[in-house]
Amino acid sequence: MSTANERLEELRDVVAEVLEVETEELTDEGDFQADYEADSLRAIEMLARIEKKYRIEIPQKELAEMRNLKTVYEVTARHAGWQPVTA
């Protein structure tokens, strides 16, 4: 079983790939639109990849919440039944 921090790093890999940035460049708090120039198509692609990878379903209305890596983890964790990341 993966730890919360391992899952966060897995999500970092997925999101970085979708945003076409290096994983080291993707911070936990960096805003996808403002800092990484993500558009709605990238957001939908990110959601689809997360749903497929973890075999979960996240309602599209929750995309608005998924503004940075931290909130992506929180939304994914809520639907996958994961523990929150501890600092």
PDB file of N, CA and C in Angstrom:
ATOM      1  N   MET A   1       0.839  -1.201   0.000  1.00  0.00           N
ATOM      2  CA  MET A   1       0.000   0.000   0.000  1.00  0.00           C
ATOM      3  C   MET A   1       0.880   1.261   0.000  1.00  0.00           C
ATOM      4  N   SER A   2       0.497   2.202  -0.801  1.00  0.00           N
ATOM      5  CA  SER A   2       1.274   3.440  -0.916  1.00  0.00           C
ATOM      6  C   SER A   2       0.998   4.386   0.235  1.00  0.00           C
ATOM      7  N   THR A   3       1.991   5.151   0.597  1.00  0.00           N
ATOM      8  CA  THR A   3       1.781   6.187   1.599  1.00  0.00           C
ATOM      9  C   THR A   3       1.225   7.423   0.907  1.00  0.00           C
ATOM     10  N   ALA A   4       0.704   8.342   1.702  1.00  0.00           N
ATOM     11  CA  ALA A   4       0.155   9.588   1.155  1.00  0.00           C
ATOM     12  C   ALA A   4       1.219  10.343   0.366  1.00  0.00           C
ATOM     13  N   ASN A   5       2.442  10.391   0.895  1.00  0.00           N
ATOM     14  CA  ASN A   5       3.502  11.125   0.198  1.00  0.00           C
ATOM     15  C   ASN A   5       3.905  10.445  -1.110  1.00  0.00           C
ATOM     16  N   GLU A   6       3.881   9.105  -1.133  1.00  0.00           N
ATOM     17  CA  GLU A   6       4.169   8.388  -2.385  1.00  0.00           C
ATOM     18  C   GLU A   6       3.085   8.686  -3.422  1.00  0.00           C
ATOM     19  N   ARG A   7       1.836   8.708  -2.987  1.00  0.00           N
ATOM     20  CA  ARG A   7       0.734   9.015  -3.904  1.00  0.00           C
ATOM     21  C   ARG A   7       0.830  10.450  -4.411  1.00  0.00           C
ATOM     22  N   LEU A   8       1.234  11.361  -3.536  1.00  0.00           N
ATOM     23  CA  LEU A   8       1.408  12.751  -3.960  1.00  0.00           C
ATOM     24  C   LEU A   8       2.457  12.826  -5.073  1.00  0.00           C
ATOM     25  N   GLU A   9       3.538  12.069  -4.925  1.00  0.00           N
ATOM     26  CA  GLU A   9       4.590  12.071  -5.945  1.00  0.00           C
ATOM     27  C   GLU A   9       4.102  11.425  -7.243  1.00  0.00           C
ATOM     28  N   GLU A  10       3.271  10.380  -7.130  1.00  0.00           N
ATOM     29  CA  GLU A  10       2.673   9.780  -8.333  1.00  0.00           C
ATOM     30  C   GLU A  10       1.813  10.811  -9.056  1.00  0.00           C
ATOM     31  N   LEU A  11       1.013  11.548  -8.296  1.00  0.00           N
ATOM     32  CA  LEU A  11       0.171  12.589  -8.897  1.00  0.00           C
ATOM     33  C   LEU A  11       1.025  13.690  -9.509  1.00  0.00           C
ATOM     34  N   ARG A  12       2.128  14.028  -8.864  1.00  0.00           N
ATOM     35  CA  ARG A  12       3.036  15.041  -9.406  1.00  0.00           C
ATOM     36  C   ARG A  12       3.526  14.595 -10.800  1.00  0.00           C
ATOM     37  N   ASP A  13       3.866  13.317 -10.942  1.00  0.00           N
ATOM     38  CA  ASP A  13       4.310  12.799 -12.238  1.00  0.00           C
ATOM     39  C   ASP A  13       3.217  12.925 -13.291  1.00  0.00           C
ATOM     40  N   VAL A  14       1.996  12.541 -12.935  1.00  0.00           N
ATOM     41  CA  VAL A  14       0.866  12.599 -13.873  1.00  0.00           C
ATOM     42  C   VAL A  14       0.601  14.042 -14.294  1.00  0.00           C
ATOM     43  N   VAL A  15       0.503  14.932 -13.316  1.00  0.00           N
ATOM     44  CA  VAL A  15       0.185  16.333 -13.598  1.00  0.00           C
ATOM     45  C   VAL A  15       1.302  17.001 -14.393  1.00  0.00           C
ATOM     46  N   ALA A  16       2.542  16.743 -14.032  1.00  0.00           N
ATOM     47  CA  ALA A  16       3.677  17.337 -14.760  1.00  0.00           C
ATOM     48  C   ALA A  16       3.663  16.900 -16.218  1.00  0.00           C
ATOM     49  N   GLU A  17       3.343  15.642 -16.451  1.00  0.00           N
ATOM     50  CA  GLU A  17       3.288  15.142 -17.824  1.00  0.00           C
ATOM     51  C   GLU A  17       2.199  15.864 -18.619  1.00  0.00           C
ATOM     52  N   VAL A  18       1.031  16.020 -18.026  1.00  0.00           N
ATOM     53  CA  VAL A  18      -0.077  16.710 -18.701  1.00  0.00           C
ATOM     54  C   VAL A  18       0.279  18.177 -18.964  1.00  0.00           C
ATOM     55  N   LEU A  19       0.905  18.822 -17.984  1.00  0.00           N
ATOM     56  CA  LEU A  19       1.242  20.243 -18.120  1.00  0.00           C
ATOM     57  C   LEU A  19       2.516  20.469 -18.934  1.00  0.00           C
ATOM     58  N   GLU A  20       3.196  19.367 -19.267  1.00  0.00           N
ATOM     59  CA  GLU A  20       4.443  19.427 -20.035  1.00  0.00           C
ATOM     60  C   GLU A  20       5.511  20.258 -19.331  1.00  0.00           C
ATOM     61  N   VAL A  21       5.689  19.971 -18.036  1.00  0.00           N
ATOM     62  CA  VAL A  21       6.762  20.584 -17.248  1.00  0.00           C
ATOM     63  C   VAL A  21       7.539  19.466 -16.559  1.00  0.00           C
ATOM     64  N   GLU A  22       8.742  19.797 -16.117  1.00  0.00           N
ATOM     65  CA  GLU A  22       9.535  18.830 -15.352  1.00  0.00           C
ATOM     66  C   GLU A  22       8.889  18.651 -13.981  1.00  0.00           C
ATOM     67  N   THR A  23       8.974  17.436 -13.423  1.00  0.00           N
ATOM     68  CA  THR A  23       8.361  17.186 -12.118  1.00  0.00           C
ATOM     69  C   THR A  23       8.947  18.109 -11.045  1.00  0.00           C
ATOM     70  N   GLU A  24      10.247  18.445 -11.177  1.00  0.00           N
ATOM     71  CA  GLU A  24      10.886  19.324 -10.190  1.00  0.00           C
ATOM     72  C   GLU A  24      10.304  20.742 -10.239  1.00  0.00           C
ATOM     73  N   GLU A  25       9.776  21.136 -11.395  1.00  0.00           N
ATOM     74  CA  GLU A  25       9.220  22.479 -11.555  1.00  0.00           C
ATOM     75  C   GLU A  25       7.824  22.607 -10.937  1.00  0.00           C
ATOM     76  N   LEU A  26       7.153  21.485 -10.771  1.00  0.00           N
ATOM     77  CA  LEU A  26       5.771  21.492 -10.300  1.00  0.00           C
ATOM     78  C   LEU A  26       5.728  21.523  -8.773  1.00  0.00           C
ATOM     79  N   THR A  27       5.381  22.672  -8.222  1.00  0.00           N
ATOM     80  CA  THR A  27       5.313  22.803  -6.763  1.00  0.00           C
ATOM     81  C   THR A  27       3.924  22.390  -6.269  1.00  0.00           C
ATOM     82  N   ASP A  28       3.824  22.125  -4.975  1.00  0.00           N
ATOM     83  CA  ASP A  28       2.540  21.719  -4.392  1.00  0.00           C
ATOM     84  C   ASP A  28       1.489  22.825  -4.496  1.00  0.00           C
ATOM     85  N   GLU A  29       1.936  24.079  -4.406  1.00  0.00           N
ATOM     86  CA  GLU A  29       1.010  25.220  -4.355  1.00  0.00           C
ATOM     87  C   GLU A  29       0.926  26.014  -5.658  1.00  0.00           C
ATOM     88  N   GLY A  30       1.752  25.667  -6.657  1.00  0.00           N
ATOM     89  CA  GLY A  30       1.773  26.420  -7.915  1.00  0.00           C
ATOM     90  C   GLY A  30       0.439  26.337  -8.641  1.00  0.00           C
ATOM     91  N   ASP A  31      -0.116  27.483  -8.992  1.00  0.00           N
ATOM     92  CA  ASP A  31      -1.412  27.540  -9.670  1.00  0.00           C
ATOM     93  C   ASP A  31      -1.264  27.070 -11.119  1.00  0.00           C
ATOM     94  N   PHE A  32      -2.080  26.089 -11.501  1.00  0.00           N
ATOM     95  CA  PHE A  32      -1.958  25.509 -12.839  1.00  0.00           C
ATOM     96  C   PHE A  32      -2.146  26.551 -13.940  1.00  0.00           C
ATOM     97  N   GLN A  33      -3.135  27.418 -13.797  1.00  0.00           N
ATOM     98  CA  GLN A  33      -3.385  28.417 -14.838  1.00  0.00           C
ATOM     99  C   GLN A  33      -2.349  29.534 -14.808  1.00  0.00           C
ATOM    100  N   ALA A  34      -2.148  30.141 -13.659  1.00  0.00           N
ATOM    101  CA  ALA A  34      -1.266  31.305 -13.554  1.00  0.00           C
ATOM    102  C   ALA A  34       0.210  30.935 -13.732  1.00  0.00           C
ATOM    103  N   ASP A  35       0.635  29.836 -13.112  1.00  0.00           N
ATOM    104  CA  ASP A  35       2.052  29.491 -13.111  1.00  0.00           C
ATOM    105  C   ASP A  35       2.475  28.547 -14.239  1.00  0.00           C
ATOM    106  N   TYR A  36       1.540  27.718 -14.722  1.00  0.00           N
ATOM    107  CA  TYR A  36       1.898  26.706 -15.721  1.00  0.00           C
ATOM    108  C   TYR A  36       1.096  26.825 -17.017  1.00  0.00           C
ATOM    109  N   GLU A  37       0.303  27.891 -17.134  1.00  0.00           N
ATOM    110  CA  GLU A  37      -0.453  28.190 -18.355  1.00  0.00           C
ATOM    111  C   GLU A  37      -1.349  27.039 -18.796  1.00  0.00           C
ATOM    112  N   ALA A  38      -1.964  26.358 -17.844  1.00  0.00           N
ATOM    113  CA  ALA A  38      -2.870  25.255 -18.177  1.00  0.00           C
ATOM    114  C   ALA A  38      -4.210  25.805 -18.637  1.00  0.00           C
ATOM    115  N   ASP A  39      -4.810  25.119 -19.588  1.00  0.00           N
ATOM    116  CA  ASP A  39      -6.146  25.505 -20.034  1.00  0.00           C
ATOM    117  C   ASP A  39      -7.139  24.406 -19.639  1.00  0.00           C
ATOM    118  N   SER A  40      -8.396  24.591 -19.986  1.00  0.00           N
ATOM    119  CA  SER A  40      -9.427  23.644 -19.571  1.00  0.00           C
ATOM    120  C   SER A  40      -9.214  22.261 -20.203  1.00  0.00           C
ATOM    121  N   LEU A  41      -8.668  22.202 -21.409  1.00  0.00           N
ATOM    122  CA  LEU A  41      -8.417  20.904 -22.030  1.00  0.00           C
ATOM    123  C   LEU A  41      -7.380  20.108 -21.245  1.00  0.00           C
ATOM    124  N   ARG A  42      -6.342  20.794 -20.776  1.00  0.00           N
ATOM    125  CA  ARG A  42      -5.335  20.108 -19.956  1.00  0.00           C
ATOM    126  C   ARG A  42      -5.945  19.634 -18.636  1.00  0.00           C
ATOM    127  N   ALA A  43      -6.827  20.441 -18.077  1.00  0.00           N
ATOM    128  CA  ALA A  43      -7.486  20.057 -16.821  1.00  0.00           C
ATOM    129  C   ALA A  43      -8.313  18.785 -17.018  1.00  0.00           C
ATOM    130  N   ILE A  44      -9.039  18.721 -18.120  1.00  0.00           N
ATOM    131  CA  ILE A  44      -9.858  17.539 -18.409  1.00  0.00           C
ATOM    132  C   ILE A  44      -8.971  16.317 -18.657  1.00  0.00           C
ATOM    133  N   GLU A  45      -7.867  16.511 -19.364  1.00  0.00           N
ATOM    134  CA  GLU A  45      -6.927  15.413 -19.607  1.00  0.00           C
ATOM    135  C   GLU A  45      -6.333  14.911 -18.284  1.00  0.00           C
ATOM    136  N   MET A  46      -5.982  15.836 -17.418  1.00  0.00           N
ATOM    137  CA  MET A  46      -5.431  15.478 -16.107  1.00  0.00           C
ATOM    138  C   MET A  46      -6.450  14.647 -15.324  1.00  0.00           C
ATOM    139  N   LEU A  47      -7.702  15.109 -15.318  1.00  0.00           N
ATOM    140  CA  LEU A  47      -8.767  14.401 -14.610  1.00  0.00           C
ATOM    141  C   LEU A  47      -8.934  12.992 -15.176  1.00  0.00           C
ATOM    142  N   ALA A  48      -8.953  12.871 -16.490  1.00  0.00           N
ATOM    143  CA  ALA A  48      -9.120  11.560 -17.124  1.00  0.00           C
ATOM    144  C   ALA A  48      -7.986  10.606 -16.765  1.00  0.00           C
ATOM    145  N   ARG A  49      -6.764  11.114 -16.769  1.00  0.00           N
ATOM    146  CA  ARG A  49      -5.614  10.258 -16.429  1.00  0.00           C
ATOM    147  C   ARG A  49      -5.664   9.805 -14.975  1.00  0.00           C
ATOM    148  N   ILE A  50      -6.053  10.700 -14.087  1.00  0.00           N
ATOM    149  CA  ILE A  50      -6.148  10.349 -12.662  1.00  0.00           C
ATOM    150  C   ILE A  50      -7.236   9.300 -12.455  1.00  0.00           C
ATOM    151  N   GLU A  51      -8.384   9.507 -13.095  1.00  0.00           N
ATOM    152  CA  GLU A  51      -9.485   8.547 -12.961  1.00  0.00           C
ATOM    153  C   GLU A  51      -9.073   7.167 -13.462  1.00  0.00           C
ATOM    154  N   LYS A  52      -8.374   7.130 -14.593  1.00  0.00           N
ATOM    155  CA  LYS A  52      -7.947   5.856 -15.169  1.00  0.00           C
ATOM    156  C   LYS A  52      -6.893   5.177 -14.291  1.00  0.00           C
ATOM    157  N   LYS A  53      -5.908   5.958 -13.847  1.00  0.00           N
ATOM    158  CA  LYS A  53      -4.810   5.404 -13.047  1.00  0.00           C
ATOM    159  C   LYS A  53      -5.305   4.792 -11.737  1.00  0.00           C
ATOM    160  N   TYR A  54      -6.233   5.484 -11.081  1.00  0.00           N
ATOM    161  CA  TYR A  54      -6.680   5.041  -9.756  1.00  0.00           C
ATOM    162  C   TYR A  54      -8.052   4.369  -9.778  1.00  0.00           C
ATOM    163  N   ARG A  55      -8.629   4.222 -10.976  1.00  0.00           N
ATOM    164  CA  ARG A  55      -9.934   3.561 -11.136  1.00  0.00           C
ATOM    165  C   ARG A  55     -10.994   4.191 -10.225  1.00  0.00           C
ATOM    166  N   ILE A  56     -11.088   5.498 -10.322  1.00  0.00           N
ATOM    167  CA  ILE A  56     -12.088   6.238  -9.556  1.00  0.00           C
ATOM    168  C   ILE A  56     -12.836   7.168 -10.501  1.00  0.00           C
ATOM    169  N   GLU A  57     -13.918   7.745 -10.011  1.00  0.00           N
ATOM    170  CA  GLU A  57     -14.648   8.731 -10.803  1.00  0.00           C
ATOM    171  C   GLU A  57     -14.748  10.019 -10.010  1.00  0.00           C
ATOM    172  N   ILE A  58     -14.310  11.101 -10.636  1.00  0.00           N
ATOM    173  CA  ILE A  58     -14.364  12.422 -10.019  1.00  0.00           C
ATOM    174  C   ILE A  58     -15.304  13.273 -10.870  1.00  0.00           C
ATOM    175  N   PRO A  59     -16.364  13.815 -10.268  1.00  0.00           N
ATOM    176  CA  PRO A  59     -17.283  14.654 -11.055  1.00  0.00           C
ATOM    177  C   PRO A  59     -16.556  15.856 -11.664  1.00  0.00           C
ATOM    178  N   GLN A  60     -16.886  16.174 -12.931  1.00  0.00           N
ATOM    179  CA  GLN A  60     -16.216  17.289 -13.610  1.00  0.00           C
ATOM    180  C   GLN A  60     -16.401  18.608 -12.888  1.00  0.00           C
ATOM    181  N   LYS A  61     -17.487  18.748 -12.149  1.00  0.00           N
ATOM    182  CA  LYS A  61     -17.703  20.008 -11.430  1.00  0.00           C
ATOM    183  C   LYS A  61     -16.605  20.257 -10.394  1.00  0.00           C
ATOM    184  N   GLU A  62     -15.902  19.212  -9.998  1.00  0.00           N
ATOM    185  CA  GLU A  62     -14.822  19.369  -9.018  1.00  0.00           C
ATOM    186  C   GLU A  62     -13.510  19.828  -9.657  1.00  0.00           C
ATOM    187  N   LEU A  63     -13.480  19.894 -10.981  1.00  0.00           N
ATOM    188  CA  LEU A  63     -12.283  20.386 -11.667  1.00  0.00           C
ATOM    189  C   LEU A  63     -11.899  21.788 -11.202  1.00  0.00           C
ATOM    190  N   ALA A  64     -12.889  22.621 -10.940  1.00  0.00           N
ATOM    191  CA  ALA A  64     -12.613  23.997 -10.513  1.00  0.00           C
ATOM    192  C   ALA A  64     -11.802  24.025  -9.218  1.00  0.00           C
ATOM    193  N   GLU A  65     -11.977  23.011  -8.376  1.00  0.00           N
ATOM    194  CA  GLU A  65     -11.231  22.924  -7.114  1.00  0.00           C
ATOM    195  C   GLU A  65      -9.770  22.551  -7.346  1.00  0.00           C
ATOM    196  N   MET A  66      -9.496  21.860  -8.447  1.00  0.00           N
ATOM    197  CA  MET A  66      -8.172  21.280  -8.700  1.00  0.00           C
ATOM    198  C   MET A  66      -7.253  22.313  -9.350  1.00  0.00           C
ATOM    199  N   ARG A  67      -6.816  23.283  -8.532  1.00  0.00           N
ATOM    200  CA  ARG A  67      -6.038  24.420  -9.036  1.00  0.00           C
ATOM    201  C   ARG A  67      -4.531  24.232  -8.905  1.00  0.00           C
ATOM    202  N   ASN A  68      -4.115  23.344  -8.010  1.00  0.00           N
ATOM    203  CA  ASN A  68      -2.692  23.078  -7.815  1.00  0.00           C
ATOM    204  C   ASN A  68      -2.522  21.630  -7.360  1.00  0.00           C
ATOM    205  N   LEU A  69      -1.304  21.191  -7.215  1.00  0.00           N
ATOM    206  CA  LEU A  69      -1.065  19.791  -6.876  1.00  0.00           C
ATOM    207  C   LEU A  69      -1.697  19.406  -5.541  1.00  0.00           C
ATOM    208  N   LYS A  70      -1.629  20.297  -4.591  1.00  0.00           N
ATOM    209  CA  LYS A  70      -2.192  20.023  -3.266  1.00  0.00           C
ATOM    210  C   LYS A  70      -3.700  19.767  -3.364  1.00  0.00           C
ATOM    211  N   THR A  71      -4.419  20.610  -4.105  1.00  0.00           N
ATOM    212  CA  THR A  71      -5.869  20.425  -4.213  1.00  0.00           C
ATOM    213  C   THR A  71      -6.213  19.220  -5.094  1.00  0.00           C
ATOM    214  N   VAL A  72      -5.358  18.900  -6.074  1.00  0.00           N
ATOM    215  CA  VAL A  72      -5.571  17.683  -6.869  1.00  0.00           C
ATOM    216  C   VAL A  72      -5.500  16.472  -5.948  1.00  0.00           C
ATOM    217  N   TYR A  73      -4.508  16.463  -5.060  1.00  0.00           N
ATOM    218  CA  TYR A  73      -4.391  15.346  -4.114  1.00  0.00           C
ATOM    219  C   TYR A  73      -5.629  15.275  -3.228  1.00  0.00           C
ATOM    220  N   GLU A  74      -6.064  16.415  -2.699  1.00  0.00           N
ATOM    221  CA  GLU A  74      -7.215  16.426  -1.789  1.00  0.00           C
ATOM    222  C   GLU A  74      -8.473  15.882  -2.464  1.00  0.00           C
ATOM    223  N   VAL A  75      -8.737  16.320  -3.691  1.00  0.00           N
ATOM    224  CA  VAL A  75      -9.921  15.849  -4.419  1.00  0.00           C
ATOM    225  C   VAL A  75      -9.788  14.357  -4.733  1.00  0.00           C
ATOM    226  N   THR A  76      -8.616  13.946  -5.216  1.00  0.00           N
ATOM    227  CA  THR A  76      -8.392  12.534  -5.546  1.00  0.00           C
ATOM    228  C   THR A  76      -8.519  11.674  -4.292  1.00  0.00           C
ATOM    229  N   ALA A  77      -7.924  12.119  -3.204  1.00  0.00           N
ATOM    230  CA  ALA A  77      -7.962  11.368  -1.945  1.00  0.00           C
ATOM    231  C   ALA A  77      -9.401  11.184  -1.452  1.00  0.00           C
ATOM    232  N   ARG A  78     -10.195  12.222  -1.614  1.00  0.00           N
ATOM    233  CA  ARG A  78     -11.599  12.173  -1.173  1.00  0.00           C
ATOM    234  C   ARG A  78     -12.355  11.065  -1.916  1.00  0.00           C
ATOM    235  N   HIS A  79     -12.091  10.928  -3.201  1.00  0.00           N
ATOM    236  CA  HIS A  79     -12.807   9.939  -4.009  1.00  0.00           C
ATOM    237  C   HIS A  79     -12.179   8.557  -3.935  1.00  0.00           C
ATOM    238  N   ALA A  80     -10.892   8.484  -3.619  1.00  0.00           N
ATOM    239  CA  ALA A  80     -10.196   7.185  -3.552  1.00  0.00           C
ATOM    240  C   ALA A  80     -10.130   6.646  -2.123  1.00  0.00           C
ATOM    241  N   GLY A  81     -10.541   7.464  -1.154  1.00  0.00           N
ATOM    242  CA  GLY A  81     -10.513   7.020   0.236  1.00  0.00           C
ATOM    243  C   GLY A  81      -9.121   6.989   0.841  1.00  0.00           C
ATOM    244  N   TRP A  82      -8.239   7.895   0.376  1.00  0.00           N
ATOM    245  CA  TRP A  82      -6.872   7.961   0.891  1.00  0.00           C
ATOM    246  C   TRP A  82      -6.802   8.836   2.129  1.00  0.00           C
ATOM    247  N   GLN A  83      -5.686   8.693   2.818  1.00  0.00           N
ATOM    248  CA  GLN A  83      -5.383   9.550   3.965  1.00  0.00           C
ATOM    249  C   GLN A  83      -4.850  10.888   3.462  1.00  0.00           C
ATOM    250  N   PRO A  84      -5.075  11.972   4.214  1.00  0.00           N
ATOM    251  CA  PRO A  84      -4.492  13.266   3.826  1.00  0.00           C
ATOM    252  C   PRO A  84      -2.975  13.240   3.956  1.00  0.00           C
ATOM    253  N   VAL A  85      -2.305  14.094   3.179  1.00  0.00           N
ATOM    254  CA  VAL A  85      -0.851  14.211   3.273  1.00  0.00           C
ATOM    255  C   VAL A  85      -0.505  14.949   4.547  1.00  0.00           C
ATOM    256  N   THR A  86       0.467  14.422   5.275  1.00  0.00           N
ATOM    257  CA  THR A  86       0.930  15.122   6.482  1.00  0.00           C
ATOM    258  C   THR A  86       2.195  15.860   6.160  1.00  0.00           C
ATOM    259  N   ALA A  87       2.345  17.001   6.765  1.00  0.00           N
ATOM    260  CA  ALA A  87       3.516  17.872   6.466  1.00  0.00           C
ATOM    261  C   ALA A  87       4.783  17.266   7.015  1.00  0.00           C
TER     262      ALA A  87
END
